[in-house]
Amino acid sequence: MKKILIIFLKALGIILGIVALYVVLGLLIPFIEVSAKDDGETKEVPIYIYTNGVHTDIVMPVKNDLQDWSVKVPFSNIASKRTDYQYIGIGWGDKGFYLDTPTWSDLKFSTAFKAAFWLSESAMHCTYYNTMKEGDDCKMIMISRSQYKKLIQFVEDKFDKDKNGNFILIPTNAVYSDNDAFYDANGSYNFLYTCNTWTNNALKAAGQKAALWTPTDFGIFRHYK
């Protein structure tokens, strides 16, 4: 019995140590900045980084001469059916988090456990907006056309697609409002690669300032104060 207790305590100590190390690294590594890359082009395309306190999104113009997101993410897939939105926010994350955890108070242990250890599927959350307002939760970035093309490719690559190359809608009533929808995505969410890690990597793909690595929205937004 004593040996079993010792083994249990050692295992518990290792787990707590890993958690503590993760928390420390999650707080410190985001302070290491990856600098923006200036491609010499005019910065004429506005994008935004936006957080709802849990998930971060990259927000882009619905349509310009480089991309029309409404073709790939049809207005008909959102409850409002409106076609006059000006911006679309796209984020990647764990399907369970997205569909079952709109706020931290809704978080279940089973959802967190599956998400942390590669045990669940991922999803893309697409939200249409009329306007964007800068604040602590929303920052605008001007990027070049070439940088926007790279961002488009990065975002599109994360969508799962059918045999015809179309994004795959997730039929659900667990949407946040009448202006959003969920789609199947590639990759597995885990404690090392979170929704915020994906957004951070999207900024890197577009040649923008970002954290070296971050699991949190704080790690992104601290570089855009």
Protein backbone atom coordinates (compact mmCIF):
# COMPACT_ATOMS: atom_id res chain seq x y z
CA MET A 1 0.00 0.00 0.00
CA LYS A 2 2.85 2.33 0.86
CA LYS A 3 4.53 1.67 -2.50
CA ILE A 4 1.29 2.39 -4.35
CA LEU A 5 0.91 5.66 -2.45
CA ILE A 6 4.49 6.66 -3.28
CA ILE A 7 3.94 5.89 -6.98
CA PHE A 8 0.70 7.87 -6.94
CA LEU A 9 2.33 10.87 -5.31
CA LYS A 10 5.23 10.77 -7.78
CA ALA A 11 2.85 10.61 -10.72
CA LEU A 12 0.80 13.47 -9.27
CA GLY A 13 3.97 15.49 -8.78
CA ILE A 14 5.01 14.93 -12.40
CA ILE A 15 1.58 15.97 -13.69
CA LEU A 16 1.53 19.09 -11.53
CA GLY A 17 5.06 19.89 -12.64
CA ILE A 18 4.11 19.64 -16.31
CA VAL A 19 1.08 21.86 -15.75
CA ALA A 20 3.19 24.42 -13.88
CA LEU A 21 5.83 24.40 -16.63
CA TYR A 22 3.14 24.86 -19.29
CA VAL A 23 1.68 27.83 -17.44
CA VAL A 24 5.11 29.45 -17.02
CA LEU A 25 6.07 28.92 -20.65
CA GLY A 26 2.63 30.09 -21.78
CA LEU A 27 3.23 33.35 -19.93
CA LEU A 28 6.88 33.92 -20.85
CA ILE A 29 7.38 32.73 -24.45
CA PRO A 30 4.70 35.10 -25.84
CA PHE A 31 6.93 38.01 -24.81
CA ILE A 32 9.39 36.91 -27.51
CA GLU A 33 8.30 38.81 -30.61
CA VAL A 34 8.52 37.71 -34.21
CA SER A 35 8.97 40.97 -36.09
CA ALA A 36 6.83 42.05 -39.03
CA LYS A 37 8.29 41.63 -42.51
CA ASP A 38 8.08 44.65 -44.79
CA ASP A 39 7.66 43.51 -48.38
CA GLY A 40 7.96 47.04 -49.69
CA GLU A 41 4.38 47.15 -50.95
CA THR A 42 1.69 49.64 -50.00
CA LYS A 43 -0.30 48.48 -46.99
CA GLU A 44 -3.84 48.84 -48.34
CA VAL A 45 -5.82 45.84 -47.05
CA PRO A 46 -7.32 46.19 -43.55
CA ILE A 47 -7.52 43.08 -41.38
CA TYR A 48 -8.31 42.74 -37.69
CA ILE A 49 -7.46 40.45 -34.82
CA TYR A 50 -10.45 39.96 -32.56
CA THR A 51 -11.04 38.03 -29.34
CA ASN A 52 -14.25 37.19 -27.51
CA GLY A 53 -12.22 36.35 -24.41
CA VAL A 54 -11.95 32.68 -25.34
CA HIS A 55 -11.35 32.39 -29.09
CA THR A 56 -9.46 34.70 -31.44
CA ASP A 57 -10.36 35.37 -35.06
CA ILE A 58 -8.71 36.90 -38.07
CA VAL A 59 -11.22 39.38 -39.53
CA MET A 60 -11.00 40.27 -43.21
CA PRO A 61 -13.01 42.16 -45.83
CA VAL A 62 -15.85 40.02 -47.14
CA LYS A 63 -14.95 40.88 -50.69
CA ASN A 64 -12.25 42.60 -52.71
CA ASP A 65 -10.56 41.85 -56.00
CA LEU A 66 -8.35 39.23 -54.33
CA GLN A 67 -11.01 37.19 -52.55
CA ASP A 68 -14.76 36.88 -52.14
CA TRP A 69 -15.31 34.94 -48.91
CA SER A 70 -19.09 34.91 -49.41
CA VAL A 71 -18.61 32.45 -52.28
CA LYS A 72 -16.79 29.99 -50.04
CA VAL A 73 -18.74 30.80 -46.86
CA PRO A 74 -22.23 31.46 -48.28
CA PHE A 75 -24.54 33.94 -46.62
CA SER A 76 -27.23 31.27 -46.97
CA ASN A 77 -25.47 29.23 -44.29
CA ILE A 78 -26.10 31.83 -41.58
CA ALA A 79 -29.47 32.36 -39.91
CA SER A 80 -29.91 36.01 -40.90
CA LYS A 81 -29.35 35.30 -44.63
CA ARG A 82 -28.26 38.94 -44.98
CA THR A 83 -25.88 39.74 -47.80
CA ASP A 84 -24.69 43.21 -46.82
CA TYR A 85 -22.00 42.32 -44.28
CA GLN A 86 -18.64 44.02 -44.78
CA TYR A 87 -16.29 41.78 -42.79
CA ILE A 88 -15.83 38.11 -42.00
CA GLY A 89 -14.06 36.75 -38.95
CA ILE A 90 -12.54 33.27 -39.21
CA GLY A 91 -11.03 31.24 -36.39
CA TRP A 92 -9.85 27.65 -36.00
CA GLY A 93 -10.34 25.60 -32.86
CA ASP A 94 -11.55 22.48 -31.13
CA LYS A 95 -15.05 21.48 -32.27
CA GLY A 96 -16.13 20.71 -28.70
CA PHE A 97 -14.90 24.07 -27.45
CA TYR A 98 -16.69 25.90 -30.24
CA LEU A 99 -20.00 24.05 -30.08
CA ASP A 100 -20.23 23.48 -26.32
CA THR A 101 -18.18 26.31 -24.78
CA PRO A 102 -19.23 29.80 -25.90
CA THR A 103 -17.87 31.18 -22.57
CA TRP A 104 -15.42 29.86 -19.96
CA SER A 105 -18.32 29.26 -17.55
CA ASP A 106 -19.63 26.62 -19.99
CA LEU A 107 -16.38 24.64 -20.02
CA LYS A 108 -16.67 20.96 -19.09
CA PHE A 109 -13.78 18.80 -17.90
CA SER A 110 -14.46 16.23 -20.62
CA THR A 111 -14.29 18.91 -23.32
CA ALA A 112 -11.04 20.32 -21.96
CA PHE A 113 -9.45 16.88 -21.57
CA LYS A 114 -10.28 15.78 -25.10
CA ALA A 115 -9.10 19.08 -26.53
CA ALA A 116 -5.82 19.03 -24.63
CA PHE A 117 -4.80 15.55 -25.71
CA TRP A 118 -5.62 15.31 -29.43
CA LEU A 119 -8.87 13.40 -28.77
CA SER A 120 -11.41 15.51 -30.64
CA GLU A 121 -12.05 17.09 -34.02
CA SER A 122 -11.49 20.69 -35.04
CA ALA A 123 -13.72 23.30 -36.66
CA MET A 124 -13.62 26.67 -38.37
CA HIS A 125 -15.89 29.37 -36.94
CA CYS A 126 -16.97 31.98 -39.50
CA THR A 127 -18.72 35.16 -38.37
CA TYR A 128 -19.99 38.03 -40.51
CA TYR A 129 -19.86 41.63 -39.24
CA ASN A 130 -21.27 44.96 -40.41
CA THR A 131 -18.48 47.06 -38.92
CA MET A 132 -15.39 46.57 -36.78
CA LYS A 133 -14.55 48.82 -33.84
CA GLU A 134 -11.04 48.92 -32.45
CA GLY A 135 -10.58 48.42 -28.72
CA ASP A 136 -8.87 46.16 -26.22
CA ASP A 137 -10.49 43.17 -27.91
CA CYS A 138 -10.00 44.26 -31.52
CA LYS A 139 -6.96 45.64 -33.35
CA MET A 140 -6.68 46.72 -36.98
CA ILE A 141 -3.62 45.93 -39.10
CA MET A 142 -2.95 47.22 -42.60
CA ILE A 143 -1.25 44.69 -44.86
CA SER A 144 -0.17 44.56 -48.49
CA ARG A 145 -1.91 42.70 -51.28
CA SER A 146 0.85 40.07 -51.36
CA GLN A 147 0.58 39.58 -47.61
CA TYR A 148 -3.19 39.23 -47.92
CA LYS A 149 -2.78 36.54 -50.57
CA LYS A 150 -0.58 34.57 -48.17
CA LEU A 151 -3.13 35.03 -45.40
CA ILE A 152 -5.94 33.82 -47.66
CA GLN A 153 -3.98 30.69 -48.51
CA PHE A 154 -3.16 30.02 -44.86
CA VAL A 155 -6.81 30.32 -43.83
CA GLU A 156 -8.19 28.29 -46.73
CA ASP A 157 -5.72 25.46 -46.10
CA LYS A 158 -7.23 24.88 -42.64
CA PHE A 159 -10.72 24.19 -43.98
CA ASP A 160 -11.64 20.58 -44.67
CA LYS A 161 -13.09 20.29 -48.19
CA ASP A 162 -15.36 17.94 -50.06
CA LYS A 163 -14.43 16.25 -53.36
CA ASN A 164 -15.43 19.42 -55.22
CA GLY A 165 -13.22 21.64 -53.08
CA ASN A 166 -16.09 23.21 -51.13
CA PHE A 167 -15.91 24.00 -47.43
CA ILE A 168 -17.98 21.52 -45.39
CA LEU A 169 -20.71 23.12 -43.27
CA ILE A 170 -21.36 21.66 -39.80
CA PRO A 171 -25.15 21.47 -39.27
CA THR A 172 -25.73 22.74 -35.71
CA ASN A 173 -27.92 25.01 -33.65
CA ALA A 174 -24.98 25.85 -31.40
CA VAL A 175 -24.14 29.02 -33.29
CA TYR A 176 -23.43 32.17 -31.29
CA SER A 177 -25.84 34.45 -33.16
CA ASP A 178 -27.62 34.84 -36.51
CA ASN A 179 -24.44 35.84 -38.35
CA ASP A 180 -22.12 32.83 -37.89
CA ALA A 181 -21.63 29.22 -38.96
CA PHE A 182 -19.23 26.35 -38.33
CA TYR A 183 -17.25 24.31 -40.87
CA ASP A 184 -15.14 21.16 -40.66
CA ALA A 185 -11.43 21.80 -40.31
CA ASN A 186 -8.09 20.05 -40.66
CA GLY A 187 -5.79 19.29 -37.75
CA SER A 188 -6.21 18.46 -34.09
CA TYR A 189 -6.47 20.99 -31.29
CA ASN A 190 -4.18 20.35 -28.32
CA PHE A 191 -2.57 22.20 -25.44
CA LEU A 192 0.42 23.09 -27.61
CA TYR A 193 -1.63 24.23 -30.62
CA THR A 194 -4.74 26.15 -29.60
CA CYS A 195 -7.12 28.46 -31.45
CA ASN A 196 -4.90 31.36 -30.43
CA THR A 197 -1.78 29.55 -31.65
CA TRP A 198 -3.47 29.24 -35.05
CA THR A 199 -4.34 32.95 -35.13
CA ASN A 200 -0.78 33.80 -34.12
CA ASN A 201 0.52 31.63 -36.96
CA ALA A 202 -1.90 33.32 -39.38
CA LEU A 203 -0.27 36.64 -38.51
CA LYS A 204 3.16 35.12 -39.15
CA ALA A 205 1.98 33.81 -42.52
CA ALA A 206 0.91 37.35 -43.42
CA GLY A 207 4.28 38.76 -42.35
CA GLN A 208 2.90 40.55 -39.28
CA LYS A 209 4.08 40.91 -35.71
CA ALA A 210 3.38 37.86 -33.59
CA ALA A 211 4.54 35.95 -30.56
CA LEU A 212 7.14 33.23 -31.04
CA TRP A 213 4.45 30.89 -29.64
CA THR A 214 1.34 31.46 -27.59
CA PRO A 215 -1.64 29.40 -26.38
CA THR A 216 -3.57 32.53 -25.32
CA ASP A 217 -5.03 35.69 -26.82
CA PHE A 218 -2.90 37.72 -24.41
CA GLY A 219 0.21 36.48 -26.19
CA ILE A 220 -1.05 37.97 -29.45
CA PHE A 221 -2.55 41.23 -28.25
CA ARG A 222 0.43 42.26 -26.15
CA HIS A 223 2.28 42.91 -29.43
CA TYR A 224 -0.49 45.25 -30.63
CA LYS A 225 -0.92 47.58 -27.67
